[in-house]
Protein backbone atom coordinates (compact mmCIF):
# COMPACT_ATOMS: atom_id res chain seq x y z
CA MET A 1 76.94 27.67 -99.83
CA ASN A 2 79.46 29.52 -97.69
CA ALA A 3 83.19 30.13 -97.85
CA HIS A 4 83.85 26.90 -95.93
CA THR A 5 81.87 24.62 -98.26
CA PRO A 6 84.33 22.41 -100.12
CA LEU A 7 84.59 22.77 -103.87
CA CYS A 8 82.61 20.12 -105.72
CA PRO A 9 85.12 17.96 -107.63
CA LEU A 10 82.72 17.54 -110.58
CA PHE A 11 82.22 21.29 -110.86
CA HIS A 12 85.98 21.80 -110.71
CA ARG A 13 86.56 19.18 -113.44
CA ALA A 14 83.90 20.80 -115.67
CA VAL A 15 85.34 24.28 -115.26
CA GLU A 16 88.85 23.02 -115.97
CA LEU A 17 87.67 21.19 -119.09
CA VAL A 18 85.63 23.99 -120.64
CA GLY A 19 87.92 26.71 -119.34
CA ARG A 20 91.06 25.44 -121.06
CA ARG A 21 92.38 27.84 -123.64
CA TRP A 22 90.47 27.55 -126.94
CA THR A 23 88.09 24.84 -125.71
CA GLY A 24 85.15 27.21 -125.21
CA ALA A 25 85.71 28.69 -128.67
CA ILE A 26 85.76 25.23 -130.27
CA ILE A 27 82.53 24.26 -128.51
CA PHE A 28 80.95 27.60 -129.48
CA VAL A 29 81.73 27.00 -133.17
CA LEU A 30 80.58 23.37 -133.07
CA LEU A 31 77.28 24.42 -131.49
CA ARG A 32 76.50 25.93 -134.92
CA GLY A 33 76.88 22.50 -136.51
CA ARG A 34 79.19 19.87 -137.96
CA THR A 35 82.48 21.46 -139.00
CA ARG A 36 85.68 20.41 -140.72
CA PHE A 37 89.11 21.13 -139.23
CA ALA A 38 89.71 23.97 -141.72
CA GLY A 39 86.35 25.49 -140.80
CA LEU A 40 87.31 25.50 -137.13
CA ARG A 41 90.66 27.10 -137.98
CA ALA A 42 88.92 29.80 -140.03
CA ALA A 43 86.40 30.51 -137.26
CA ILE A 44 89.15 30.69 -134.58
CA PRO A 45 91.94 32.51 -136.45
CA GLU A 46 94.47 32.72 -133.60
CA ILE A 47 94.52 28.99 -132.78
CA THR A 48 97.38 26.91 -134.19
CA ASP A 49 96.82 23.61 -135.98
CA ARG A 50 98.68 21.82 -133.20
CA MET A 51 96.55 23.36 -130.45
CA LEU A 52 93.32 22.71 -132.34
CA SER A 53 94.29 19.06 -132.84
CA GLU A 54 95.20 18.72 -129.17
CA ARG A 55 91.95 20.28 -127.94
CA LEU A 56 89.83 18.21 -130.33
CA ARG A 57 91.53 15.03 -129.07
CA GLU A 58 90.86 16.04 -125.45
CA LEU A 59 87.21 16.77 -126.23
CA GLU A 60 86.90 13.43 -128.03
CA GLN A 61 88.38 11.61 -125.02
CA GLU A 62 85.83 13.35 -122.76
CA GLY A 63 82.98 12.34 -125.06
CA VAL A 64 82.12 15.97 -125.93
CA VAL A 65 83.15 15.87 -129.60
CA GLU A 66 82.91 13.11 -132.16
CA ARG A 67 85.27 12.82 -135.13
CA CYS A 68 83.30 11.68 -138.17
CA VAL A 69 85.08 10.25 -141.21
CA VAL A 70 83.03 10.73 -144.37
CA PRO A 71 84.01 8.00 -146.86
CA GLU A 72 84.39 10.07 -150.00
CA THR A 73 87.29 10.60 -152.33
CA PRO A 74 89.18 12.29 -150.84
CA VAL A 75 88.15 11.25 -147.34
CA ARG A 76 86.54 14.09 -145.39
CA VAL A 77 86.80 14.45 -141.61
CA GLU A 78 84.21 16.47 -139.73
CA TYR A 79 83.74 17.24 -136.06
CA VAL A 80 80.39 17.31 -134.32
CA LEU A 81 79.26 17.72 -130.72
CA THR A 82 77.88 14.64 -129.02
CA GLU A 83 74.76 14.83 -126.87
CA LYS A 84 77.09 15.53 -123.94
CA GLY A 85 78.67 18.40 -125.90
CA ARG A 86 75.35 19.87 -127.03
CA ALA A 87 74.27 19.89 -123.39
CA LEU A 88 76.85 22.66 -122.87
CA ALA A 89 74.78 25.08 -125.03
CA THR A 90 72.99 26.66 -122.07
CA ALA A 91 76.26 27.22 -120.20
CA ILE A 92 78.02 28.64 -123.28
CA ASP A 93 75.06 30.94 -124.03
CA ALA A 94 74.99 32.13 -120.41
CA LEU A 95 78.72 32.82 -120.47
CA GLY A 96 78.34 34.79 -123.71
CA ALA A 97 75.49 36.86 -122.23
CA TRP A 98 77.55 37.55 -119.11
CA ALA A 99 80.56 38.58 -121.22
CA HIS A 100 78.49 41.04 -123.27
CA GLU A 101 77.09 42.61 -120.12
CA TRP A 102 80.17 42.72 -117.93
CA LEU A 103 83.33 42.74 -120.05
CA ASP A 104 84.71 45.61 -122.05
CA HIS A 105 85.13 45.08 -125.77
CA PRO A 106 88.78 44.62 -126.72
CA ARG A 107 90.22 47.74 -128.20
CA GLU A 108 91.05 47.65 -131.87
CA ALA A 109 94.78 47.62 -132.52
CA ALA A 110 95.99 50.98 -133.74
CA GLY A 111 96.96 50.54 -137.34
């Protein structure tokens, strides 16, 4: 591939999907297993409820995440990666390894 090779539209779509703010973090958490909304919020403390809902809807529409309603009293809703979502594990792991090798750790806020 050289500088004049056109960008693959599928690659571009994938990078835009996974690269949206918070999406990678949501996928990372869901790779550990089925999780409720509150569990996602706890694992990603800076995300707002609105943004988490929006990202989960987008991932559902793309077929990456499935929303599972557990018929209990009260009803419980859990989120789980689909086969398509679990297939991102290698890419997420590779990105994490790259980050640990090449990025500086964020500095702790002076308190």
